[in-house]
């Protein structure tokens, strides 16, 4: 490399460096770090139509605490980098929460501000839809804004922060909507207890009205949350575990359609779901997402099911009449069709991602070698799936399970040793192809996934005992040669007479 090339390289490296001022002037960061927290601070004071007594501390504190509490938790969430809908939904729910937390107390006595602040509502919605850490972070920020309405009262901030932590803890693993109401009841008891302790320590008389409002607040908020969350799921396509479970009950029109027109793919998806769920549980990923995404990962095959091996009858393969390049296009089409169906039926964004990612950018080796064998000069890149590669753990698990489930059918007499060897070979092959680089799965995860796959595959293949055969009188037959049940019964009556 000559000196001129080295200078060009140094200049190109310098151009990639982002200095602090340049980063501050970045529109995205400017919005996330300054504009939005300031907007929330103004929204918090809107019902009062005035600024707090210390506006500088209020606005600067809002920006700093937004970064410390909310923005840091958001930046660690992989899904926020995949879809802007996550940040939009997060901003929308927090804005709604800030306004409601300010508006409702403004309708009553200022002394009842902590008890009347419905902070359970917004924190539970963020926790259920997006995540536990995001719920706590946004909740602590909203506690600061609510406390600012009482001249930056530390007592109010601590009181509401306890409610925030209790809300996030009780709603972090919600799987049924009724559990939201139960969480509201539990937080109500905690809210009442904290208020009673506060009154006792400060030497105040126990106020029944305060305690009654503190008890009713989270319960009423939980009822409202139950009603709002389904609309948010449909609008944002960000589904809670509860919403995912409702999609995964196998009565969805797409799954019914798959079972009718592509039954082989349907049963492959059921087996895949068992593998993926077990592996996700083993490594601490979202097992519900893994199961439901497995159900829908191949819905595009219902358009042309006969072109996929699991739906073909013996001796009938339409690919025999197609060129390898045409077969390649037909196979790619099922991914495109699946994405279109996911958008039409507003399936979760992460399920749509799995549909696109479960093949990654792997080469269709069968058709590539077929093209080479007939003398066509084709590149391996021409036979790749469009991708992208898996972007999160559950998507990576489903890619592995998809290959493992298909290959397992080729073992005639599976044993634990044979099965584990097959699983290890497939997992190592996909890893060496660099398909899992962006999934977040590490080597420790892959070891646990191999163990889970092997266990589930062997359980699925357990032999059953052979029952003794008994002579049975034949009364039903689908061919037209045998008598019907009615005729046989009439013959019996005649014999008895």
Protein backbone atom coordinates (compact mmCIF):
# COMPACT_ATOMS: atom_id res chain seq x y z
CA UNK A 1 0.00 0.00 0.00
CA UNK A 2 1.53 3.33 -1.05
CA UNK A 3 1.45 6.59 0.90
CA UNK A 4 -1.42 8.06 -1.14
CA UNK A 5 -3.67 5.08 -0.37
CA UNK A 6 -2.77 5.27 3.32
CA UNK A 7 -3.75 8.95 3.44
CA UNK A 8 -7.09 8.19 1.79
CA UNK A 9 -7.69 5.43 4.32
CA UNK A 10 -6.92 7.75 7.23
CA UNK A 11 -9.30 10.39 5.86
CA UNK A 12 -12.07 7.84 5.45
CA UNK A 13 -11.52 6.65 9.05
CA UNK A 14 -11.69 10.23 10.35
CA UNK A 15 -14.93 10.86 8.50
CA UNK A 16 -16.53 7.98 10.40
CA UNK A 17 -15.61 9.42 13.81
CA UNK A 18 -18.53 11.18 15.52
CA UNK A 19 -17.55 14.00 17.86
CA UNK A 20 -19.80 14.89 20.83
CA UNK A 21 -21.18 18.06 19.19
CA UNK A 22 -21.88 16.19 15.97
CA UNK A 23 -23.70 13.51 17.95
CA UNK A 24 -25.73 16.15 19.81
CA UNK A 25 -26.83 17.67 16.52
CA UNK A 26 -28.03 14.28 15.29
CA UNK A 27 -31.81 14.67 14.84
CA UNK A 28 -32.64 11.25 16.24
CA UNK A 29 -30.56 11.69 19.40
CA UNK A 30 -31.71 15.28 19.80
CA UNK A 31 -35.32 14.08 19.76
CA UNK A 32 -34.75 11.14 22.09
CA UNK A 33 -32.59 12.95 24.66
CA UNK A 34 -33.97 16.51 24.70
CA UNK A 35 -37.10 17.17 22.67
CA UNK A 36 -39.18 14.32 23.97
CA UNK A 37 -38.44 14.70 27.72
CA UNK A 38 -39.07 18.46 27.45
CA UNK A 39 -42.34 17.74 25.65
CA UNK A 40 -43.35 15.36 28.45
CA UNK A 41 -42.42 17.96 31.07
CA UNK A 42 -44.72 20.50 29.37
CA UNK A 43 -47.47 17.89 28.93
CA UNK A 44 -47.29 17.14 32.64
CA UNK A 45 -48.09 20.78 33.49
CA UNK A 46 -50.79 21.21 30.84
CA UNK A 47 -53.77 20.56 33.17
CA UNK A 48 -52.38 23.11 35.64
CA UNK A 49 -51.63 25.71 32.91
CA UNK A 50 -48.50 26.82 34.77
CA UNK A 51 -44.87 25.87 35.31
CA UNK A 52 -43.57 24.57 38.65
CA UNK A 53 -41.84 26.86 41.10
CA UNK A 54 -38.37 25.81 39.88
CA UNK A 55 -38.61 25.57 36.07
CA UNK A 56 -34.86 25.23 35.40
CA UNK A 57 -34.53 22.30 37.80
CA UNK A 58 -37.75 20.84 36.39
CA UNK A 59 -36.75 20.84 32.70
CA UNK A 60 -33.08 19.94 33.16
CA UNK A 61 -34.02 17.23 35.64
CA UNK A 62 -36.56 15.84 33.16
CA UNK A 63 -33.93 15.49 30.43
CA UNK A 64 -31.36 13.92 32.76
CA UNK A 65 -33.76 11.50 34.44
CA UNK A 66 -35.27 10.51 31.10
CA UNK A 67 -31.81 9.44 29.96
CA UNK A 68 -30.97 7.67 33.23
CA UNK A 69 -34.27 5.88 33.73
CA UNK A 70 -35.95 5.41 30.36
CA UNK A 71 -33.53 5.88 27.45
CA UNK A 72 -30.85 3.55 28.85
CA UNK A 73 -33.36 0.70 29.27
CA UNK A 74 -34.72 1.28 25.77
CA UNK A 75 -31.27 1.19 24.17
CA UNK A 76 -30.58 -2.25 25.62
CA UNK A 77 -33.74 -3.65 23.99
CA UNK A 78 -32.87 -5.38 20.69
CA UNK A 79 -36.39 -4.94 19.28
CA UNK A 80 -36.14 -1.12 19.33
CA UNK A 81 -33.35 -1.34 16.74
CA UNK A 82 -35.45 -3.59 14.51
CA UNK A 83 -38.72 -1.66 14.35
CA UNK A 84 -39.52 2.03 14.83
CA UNK A 85 -42.99 0.91 16.00
CA UNK A 86 -41.46 -0.03 19.36
CA UNK A 87 -40.20 3.48 20.05
CA UNK A 88 -43.37 5.09 18.70
CA UNK A 89 -45.54 2.87 20.88
CA UNK A 90 -43.31 3.45 23.89
CA UNK A 91 -43.43 7.23 23.42
CA UNK A 92 -47.20 7.15 22.90
CA UNK A 93 -47.94 5.11 26.03
CA UNK A 94 -45.60 7.22 28.18
CA UNK A 95 -47.14 10.46 26.83
CA UNK A 96 -50.60 9.11 27.60
CA UNK A 97 -49.45 8.12 31.07
CA UNK A 98 -47.84 11.48 31.83
CA UNK A 99 -50.99 13.37 30.84
CA UNK A 100 -53.37 11.07 32.73
CA UNK A 101 -51.12 11.09 35.82
CA UNK A 102 -51.36 14.87 35.81
CA UNK A 103 -54.95 15.35 34.65
CA UNK A 104 -56.72 13.02 37.10
CA UNK A 105 -55.17 14.53 40.29
CA UNK A 106 -55.89 18.05 38.97
CA UNK A 107 -59.60 17.26 39.25
CA UNK A 108 -59.39 16.74 43.02
CA UNK A 109 -57.69 18.09 46.09
CA UNK A 110 -53.96 18.74 45.69
CA UNK A 111 -53.31 16.87 48.95
CA UNK A 112 -54.65 13.69 47.30
CA UNK A 113 -52.21 13.87 44.41
CA UNK A 114 -50.21 10.69 45.23
CA UNK A 115 -53.30 8.57 45.90
CA UNK A 116 -55.12 9.80 42.77
CA UNK A 117 -52.19 9.37 40.36
CA UNK A 118 -53.08 6.36 38.15
CA UNK A 119 -49.46 5.43 37.49
CA UNK A 120 -50.35 1.71 37.48
CA UNK A 121 -52.12 2.21 34.13
CA UNK A 122 -49.18 3.35 32.00
CA UNK A 123 -46.50 1.32 33.78
CA UNK A 124 -48.48 -1.91 33.40
CA UNK A 125 -49.08 -1.22 29.70
CA UNK A 126 -45.36 -0.59 29.03
CA UNK A 127 -44.30 -3.65 31.04
CA UNK A 128 -46.82 -6.00 29.41
CA UNK A 129 -46.25 -4.82 25.83
CA UNK A 130 -42.54 -3.98 25.81
CA UNK A 131 -40.66 -5.19 28.84
CA UNK A 132 -39.95 -5.17 32.56
CA UNK A 133 -36.94 -2.84 32.51
CA UNK A 134 -38.71 -0.37 30.21
CA UNK A 135 -41.70 -0.38 32.58
CA UNK A 136 -39.57 0.45 35.60
CA UNK A 137 -37.51 3.08 33.74
CA UNK A 138 -40.49 4.96 32.31
CA UNK A 139 -42.36 4.58 35.60
CA UNK A 140 -39.59 6.19 37.66
CA UNK A 141 -39.47 9.07 35.17
CA UNK A 142 -43.24 9.54 35.45
CA UNK A 143 -42.90 9.44 39.26
CA UNK A 144 -40.49 12.38 39.05
CA UNK A 145 -42.90 14.40 36.89
CA UNK A 146 -45.83 13.62 39.20
CA UNK A 147 -43.81 14.62 42.25
CA UNK A 148 -42.90 17.89 40.53
CA UNK A 149 -46.58 18.81 40.67
CA UNK A 150 -46.17 19.00 44.47
CA UNK A 151 -43.12 21.30 44.37
CA UNK A 152 -40.67 18.44 43.80
CA UNK A 153 -41.79 16.49 46.86
CA UNK A 154 -39.34 13.66 47.60
CA UNK A 155 -42.01 11.92 49.62
CA UNK A 156 -44.34 11.71 46.63
CA UNK A 157 -41.52 10.48 44.38
CA UNK A 158 -40.66 7.64 46.80
CA UNK A 159 -44.31 6.72 47.29
CA UNK A 160 -45.02 6.51 43.56
CA UNK A 161 -41.71 4.73 42.91
CA UNK A 162 -42.81 1.93 45.23
CA UNK A 163 -46.03 1.62 43.22
CA UNK A 164 -44.01 1.57 39.98
CA UNK A 165 -41.76 -1.26 41.21
CA UNK A 166 -44.76 -3.24 42.49
CA UNK A 167 -46.59 -2.76 39.19
CA UNK A 168 -43.64 -3.87 37.08
CA UNK A 169 -43.04 -6.93 39.27
CA UNK A 170 -46.68 -8.09 39.25
CA UNK A 171 -47.20 -7.57 35.50
CA UNK A 172 -43.85 -8.81 34.14
CA UNK A 173 -45.03 -12.37 33.32
CA UNK A 174 -48.69 -11.87 32.42
CA UNK A 175 -50.14 -14.67 30.25
CA UNK A 176 -53.88 -14.16 30.82
CA UNK A 177 -55.79 -10.89 30.86
CA UNK A 178 -57.42 -11.72 34.20
CA UNK A 179 -53.91 -11.68 35.70
CA UNK A 180 -53.78 -7.92 35.01
CA UNK A 181 -56.79 -7.46 37.31
CA UNK A 182 -55.12 -9.63 39.95
CA UNK A 183 -51.96 -7.50 39.66
CA UNK A 184 -54.10 -4.38 40.14
CA UNK A 185 -55.57 -5.84 43.34
CA UNK A 186 -52.11 -6.76 44.69
CA UNK A 187 -50.73 -3.28 43.95
CA UNK A 188 -53.81 -1.76 45.62
CA UNK A 189 -52.97 -3.59 48.85
CA UNK A 190 -49.36 -2.41 48.63
CA UNK A 191 -50.46 1.19 47.94
CA UNK A 192 -52.77 1.15 50.96
CA UNK A 193 -50.09 -0.35 53.20
CA UNK A 194 -47.46 2.22 52.14
CA UNK A 195 -49.86 5.10 52.76
CA UNK A 196 -50.87 3.74 56.14
CA UNK A 197 -47.21 3.36 57.15
CA UNK A 198 -46.46 6.89 55.94
CA UNK A 199 -49.33 8.35 57.97
CA UNK A 200 -48.29 6.45 61.09
CA UNK A 201 -44.61 7.47 60.88
CA UNK A 202 -45.53 11.12 60.35
CA UNK A 203 -47.94 11.09 63.28
CA UNK A 204 -50.97 11.76 61.09
CA UNK A 205 -54.39 10.30 61.79
CA UNK A 206 -55.38 7.45 59.45
CA UNK A 207 -57.56 9.01 56.74
CA UNK A 208 -60.08 6.49 55.42
CA UNK A 209 -60.75 8.52 52.26
CA UNK A 210 -57.06 8.57 51.34
CA UNK A 211 -56.78 4.82 51.84
CA UNK A 212 -59.98 4.14 49.89
CA UNK A 213 -58.69 6.16 46.90
CA UNK A 214 -55.30 4.42 47.12
CA UNK A 215 -57.09 1.05 47.08
CA UNK A 216 -59.45 1.84 44.19
CA UNK A 217 -56.84 3.53 41.97
CA UNK A 218 -54.81 0.49 40.76
CA UNK A 219 -57.92 -1.71 40.51
CA UNK A 220 -59.73 0.74 38.22
CA UNK A 221 -56.50 1.30 36.27
CA UNK A 222 -56.15 -2.46 35.68
CA UNK A 223 -59.67 -2.63 34.23
CA UNK A 224 -58.86 0.21 31.83
CA UNK A 225 -55.55 -1.44 30.86
CA UNK A 226 -57.35 -4.70 30.01
CA UNK A 227 -59.60 -2.75 27.62
CA UNK A 228 -56.85 -0.66 25.99
CA UNK A 229 -54.08 -3.24 25.44
CA UNK A 230 -55.83 -5.25 22.65
CA UNK A 231 -56.28 -2.06 20.60
CA UNK A 232 -52.62 -1.14 21.11
CA UNK A 233 -51.57 -4.64 20.02
CA UNK A 234 -53.60 -4.44 16.83
CA UNK A 235 -52.48 -0.89 15.99
CA UNK A 236 -48.76 -1.34 16.73
CA UNK A 237 -48.41 -5.09 15.95
CA UNK A 238 -46.47 -5.35 19.22
CA UNK A 239 -48.13 -8.22 21.06
CA UNK A 240 -47.99 -9.12 24.72
CA UNK A 241 -47.61 -12.75 25.76
CA UNK A 242 -51.37 -12.77 26.29
CA UNK A 243 -51.98 -11.62 22.74
CA UNK A 244 -49.50 -14.18 21.41
CA UNK A 245 -51.27 -17.00 23.27
CA UNK A 246 -54.57 -15.94 21.74
CA UNK A 247 -52.98 -16.11 18.27
CA UNK A 248 -51.49 -19.51 19.01
CA UNK A 249 -54.69 -21.44 19.75
CA UNK A 250 -54.61 -23.01 16.23
CA UNK A 251 -58.04 -21.58 15.30
CA UNK A 252 -56.53 -18.63 13.42
CA UNK A 253 -57.72 -18.48 9.77
CA UNK A 254 -54.15 -18.71 8.46
CA UNK A 255 -53.46 -21.87 10.45
CA UNK A 256 -56.77 -23.43 9.45
CA UNK A 257 -55.99 -22.66 5.82
CA UNK A 258 -52.54 -24.21 6.24
CA UNK A 259 -53.99 -27.39 7.76
CA UNK A 260 -56.37 -27.82 4.80
CA UNK A 261 -54.14 -26.95 1.83
CA UNK A 262 -50.69 -27.83 3.21
CA UNK A 263 -51.24 -30.48 5.93
CA UNK A 264 -47.62 -31.66 5.78
CA UNK A 265 -46.39 -28.13 6.49
CA UNK A 266 -48.99 -27.73 9.24
CA UNK A 267 -47.81 -30.80 11.16
CA UNK A 268 -44.18 -29.81 10.54
CA UNK A 269 -45.00 -26.45 12.18
CA UNK A 270 -46.56 -28.16 15.20
CA UNK A 271 -43.43 -30.30 15.71
CA UNK A 272 -41.25 -27.25 15.17
CA UNK A 273 -43.19 -25.37 17.86
CA UNK A 274 -42.47 -28.10 20.42
CA UNK A 275 -38.75 -27.98 19.64
CA UNK A 276 -38.53 -24.19 19.64
CA UNK A 277 -40.50 -23.75 22.86
CA UNK A 278 -38.32 -26.24 24.75
CA UNK A 279 -35.10 -24.62 23.50
CA UNK A 280 -36.33 -21.10 24.33
CA UNK A 281 -37.25 -22.15 27.86
CA UNK A 282 -33.85 -23.77 28.26
CA UNK A 283 -31.91 -20.58 27.44
CA UNK A 284 -34.33 -18.10 29.05
CA UNK A 285 -35.77 -16.65 25.82
CA UNK A 286 -39.47 -15.98 25.20
CA UNK A 287 -40.92 -19.49 24.85
CA UNK A 288 -44.40 -18.19 23.95
CA UNK A 289 -43.03 -16.12 21.08
CA UNK A 290 -40.96 -19.09 19.87
CA UNK A 291 -44.01 -21.40 19.85
CA UNK A 292 -46.41 -18.99 18.15
CA UNK A 293 -43.87 -17.82 15.55
CA UNK A 294 -43.21 -21.49 14.72
CA UNK A 295 -46.89 -21.99 13.94
CA UNK A 296 -46.85 -19.17 11.41
CA UNK A 297 -43.31 -19.40 10.03
CA UNK A 298 -44.33 -21.27 6.83
CA UNK A 299 -47.82 -19.87 6.16
CA UNK A 300 -46.66 -18.80 2.69
CA UNK A 301 -46.53 -22.46 1.64
CA UNK A 302 -50.33 -22.65 1.56
CA UNK A 303 -50.26 -20.84 -1.81
CA UNK A 304 -48.30 -23.56 -3.67
CA UNK A 305 -48.08 -26.48 -1.24
CA UNK A 306 -47.26 -29.11 -3.89
CA UNK A 307 -43.80 -27.59 -4.44
CA UNK A 308 -42.64 -28.53 -0.91
CA UNK A 309 -41.55 -32.04 -0.01
CA UNK A 310 -43.69 -32.45 3.12
CA UNK A 311 -46.87 -31.93 1.05
CA UNK A 312 -45.93 -34.08 -1.94
CA UNK A 313 -47.40 -37.51 -2.60
CA UNK A 314 -45.04 -40.32 -3.53
CA UNK A 315 -43.75 -40.05 -7.09
CA UNK A 316 -45.21 -36.58 -7.67
CA UNK A 317 -42.65 -33.76 -7.63
CA UNK A 318 -43.44 -30.73 -9.82
CA UNK A 319 -39.80 -29.62 -9.56
CA UNK A 320 -38.92 -32.46 -11.95
CA UNK A 321 -40.46 -30.37 -14.73
CA UNK A 322 -38.77 -27.09 -13.73
CA UNK A 323 -35.29 -25.74 -14.22
CA UNK A 324 -33.27 -25.27 -11.00
CA UNK A 325 -33.44 -21.48 -11.35
CA UNK A 326 -37.23 -21.60 -11.67
CA UNK A 327 -37.48 -23.93 -8.66
CA UNK A 328 -35.34 -21.44 -6.76
CA UNK A 329 -37.81 -18.65 -7.51
CA UNK A 330 -40.80 -20.79 -6.51
CA UNK A 331 -39.21 -21.71 -3.17
CA UNK A 332 -38.33 -18.06 -2.47
CA UNK A 333 -41.93 -17.12 -3.19
CA UNK A 334 -43.20 -18.80 -0.01
CA UNK A 335 -41.27 -16.28 2.11
CA UNK A 336 -42.74 -13.35 0.19
CA UNK A 337 -46.25 -14.82 0.39
CA UNK A 338 -45.83 -15.43 4.12
CA UNK A 339 -44.84 -11.81 4.75
CA UNK A 340 -47.83 -10.57 2.76
CA UNK A 341 -50.19 -12.79 4.75
CA UNK A 342 -48.64 -11.64 8.04
CA UNK A 343 -49.21 -7.99 7.13
CA UNK A 344 -52.73 -8.62 5.87
CA UNK A 345 -53.76 -10.31 9.13
CA UNK A 346 -51.65 -7.93 11.25
CA UNK A 347 -49.59 -10.64 12.88
CA UNK A 348 -46.95 -9.46 15.37
CA UNK A 349 -43.92 -7.73 13.86
CA UNK A 350 -41.62 -10.33 15.40
CA UNK A 351 -43.60 -13.17 13.79
CA UNK A 352 -43.22 -11.44 10.43
CA UNK A 353 -39.48 -11.20 11.14
CA UNK A 354 -39.31 -14.95 11.77
CA UNK A 355 -41.07 -15.63 8.46
CA UNK A 356 -38.35 -13.63 6.68
CA UNK A 357 -35.42 -14.83 8.79
CA UNK A 358 -35.95 -18.54 9.48
CA UNK A 359 -33.99 -19.47 6.32
CA UNK A 360 -31.54 -16.58 6.69
CA UNK A 361 -29.34 -16.24 3.61
CA UNK A 362 -28.63 -19.95 3.30
CA UNK A 363 -28.03 -21.62 -0.06
CA UNK A 364 -30.61 -24.06 -1.45
CA UNK A 365 -27.96 -26.70 -1.96
CA UNK A 366 -30.19 -29.26 -3.67
CA UNK A 367 -31.12 -26.94 -6.54
CA UNK A 368 -27.65 -25.40 -6.71
CA UNK A 369 -26.01 -28.82 -7.18
CA UNK A 370 -28.77 -29.82 -9.58
CA UNK A 371 -27.92 -26.78 -11.73
CA UNK A 372 -24.21 -27.68 -11.66
CA UNK A 373 -24.93 -31.29 -12.59
CA UNK A 374 -26.82 -30.29 -15.72
CA UNK A 375 -24.00 -28.00 -16.78
CA UNK A 376 -25.46 -24.61 -15.86
CA UNK A 377 -22.94 -22.00 -14.76
CA UNK A 378 -24.63 -20.69 -11.64
CA UNK A 379 -23.22 -18.94 -8.60
CA UNK A 380 -24.16 -20.13 -5.12
CA UNK A 381 -25.33 -16.59 -4.28
CA UNK A 382 -28.05 -16.94 -6.94
CA UNK A 383 -29.58 -19.76 -4.90
CA UNK A 384 -29.63 -18.01 -1.54
CA UNK A 385 -32.74 -17.14 0.42
CA UNK A 386 -33.37 -13.38 0.51
CA UNK A 387 -32.85 -13.16 4.28
CA UNK A 388 -32.05 -11.32 6.46
CA UNK A 389 -30.25 -13.50 8.99
CA UNK A 390 -31.98 -14.03 12.36
CA UNK A 391 -31.93 -10.82 14.38
CA UNK A 392 -33.01 -12.14 17.79
CA UNK A 393 -32.71 -15.34 19.81
CA UNK A 394 -36.15 -16.78 19.13
CA UNK A 395 -35.66 -16.35 15.39
CA UNK A 396 -32.30 -18.13 15.57
CA UNK A 397 -33.84 -21.00 17.54
CA UNK A 398 -36.55 -21.46 14.91
CA UNK A 399 -33.95 -21.53 12.10
CA UNK A 400 -32.11 -24.32 13.92
CA UNK A 401 -35.29 -26.22 14.79
CA UNK A 402 -36.55 -26.01 11.20
CA UNK A 403 -33.48 -27.79 9.85
CA UNK A 404 -33.31 -30.27 12.72
CA UNK A 405 -36.96 -31.32 12.47
CA UNK A 406 -36.71 -31.92 8.74
CA UNK A 407 -33.45 -33.90 9.00
CA UNK A 408 -34.66 -36.04 11.91
CA UNK A 409 -37.23 -37.70 9.65
CA UNK A 410 -34.39 -39.26 7.65
CA UNK A 411 -33.17 -41.36 10.62
CA UNK A 412 -34.73 -44.82 10.35
CA UNK A 413 -34.02 -46.12 13.86
CA UNK A 414 -33.22 -43.09 15.99
CA UNK A 415 -31.26 -43.56 19.19
CA UNK A 416 -30.21 -40.81 21.64
CA UNK A 417 -26.63 -40.98 20.31
CA UNK A 418 -27.67 -40.80 16.65
CA UNK A 419 -30.13 -38.00 17.36
CA UNK A 420 -27.61 -35.90 19.29
CA UNK A 421 -25.00 -36.41 16.59
CA UNK A 422 -27.48 -35.23 13.93
CA UNK A 423 -28.50 -32.18 15.97
CA UNK A 424 -24.88 -31.23 16.66
CA UNK A 425 -24.00 -31.55 12.98
CA UNK A 426 -26.85 -29.28 11.87
CA UNK A 427 -26.31 -26.66 14.60
CA UNK A 428 -22.56 -26.53 13.91
CA UNK A 429 -23.18 -26.29 10.17
CA UNK A 430 -25.52 -23.30 10.53
CA UNK A 431 -23.16 -21.66 13.04
CA UNK A 432 -20.20 -22.07 10.68
CA UNK A 433 -22.24 -20.51 7.88
CA UNK A 434 -22.35 -17.36 10.08
CA UNK A 435 -26.15 -17.38 10.03
CA UNK A 436 -26.42 -16.80 13.80
CA UNK A 437 -24.00 -13.87 14.06
CA UNK A 438 -26.77 -11.29 14.58
CA UNK A 439 -29.16 -13.45 16.62
CA UNK A 440 -27.62 -12.91 20.04
CA UNK A 441 -27.12 -16.67 20.56
CA UNK A 442 -23.74 -17.60 22.07
CA UNK A 443 -21.97 -20.96 22.29
CA UNK A 444 -23.40 -21.66 25.73
CA UNK A 445 -26.90 -21.11 24.34
CA UNK A 446 -26.20 -23.47 21.44
CA UNK A 447 -25.11 -26.24 23.81
CA UNK A 448 -28.35 -25.92 25.75
CA UNK A 449 -30.36 -25.82 22.52
CA UNK A 450 -28.75 -29.07 21.34
CA UNK A 451 -29.67 -30.73 24.64
CA UNK A 452 -33.27 -29.48 24.43
CA UNK A 453 -33.68 -30.56 20.79
CA UNK A 454 -32.31 -34.04 21.49
CA UNK A 455 -34.62 -34.54 24.47
CA UNK A 456 -37.75 -33.40 22.63
CA UNK A 457 -36.99 -35.43 19.49
CA UNK A 458 -36.52 -38.61 21.51
CA UNK A 459 -39.74 -37.96 23.46
CA UNK A 460 -41.59 -37.43 20.18
CA UNK A 461 -40.30 -40.77 18.92
CA UNK A 462 -41.14 -42.94 21.93
CA UNK A 463 -42.32 -46.43 20.85
CA UNK A 464 -45.73 -47.60 22.03
CA UNK A 465 -46.63 -51.07 23.26
CA UNK A 466 -48.31 -53.41 20.81
CA UNK A 467 -51.84 -54.23 21.86
CA UNK A 468 -53.14 -57.83 21.38
CA UNK A 469 -55.28 -58.23 18.28
CA UNK A 470 -58.92 -59.17 18.66
CA UNK A 471 -61.36 -60.42 16.05
CA UNK A 472 -63.79 -57.65 15.28
CA UNK A 473 -66.93 -57.92 13.20
CA UNK A 474 -66.71 -55.50 10.30
CA UNK A 475 -69.72 -53.19 10.18
CA UNK A 476 -68.29 -50.08 8.47
CA UNK A 477 -66.33 -49.86 5.21
CA UNK A 478 -65.61 -47.04 2.80
CA UNK A 479 -65.95 -49.26 -0.30
CA UNK A 480 -69.29 -50.24 -1.72
CA UNK A 481 -68.87 -54.05 -1.49
CA UNK A 482 -69.76 -54.55 2.18
CA UNK A 483 -73.20 -54.24 3.68
CA UNK A 484 -74.10 -51.14 5.63
CA UNK A 485 -74.57 -51.23 9.36
CA UNK A 486 -78.33 -50.94 8.88
CA UNK A 487 -78.42 -54.05 6.63
CA UNK A 488 -76.42 -56.09 9.14
CA UNK A 489 -78.77 -55.12 11.96
CA UNK A 490 -81.80 -56.15 9.86
CA UNK A 491 -80.20 -59.56 9.17
CA UNK A 492 -79.68 -60.04 12.90
CA UNK A 493 -83.31 -59.25 13.61
CA UNK A 494 -84.48 -61.80 11.01
CA UNK A 495 -82.23 -64.47 12.55
CA UNK A 496 -83.64 -63.80 15.99
CA UNK A 497 -87.20 -64.12 14.67
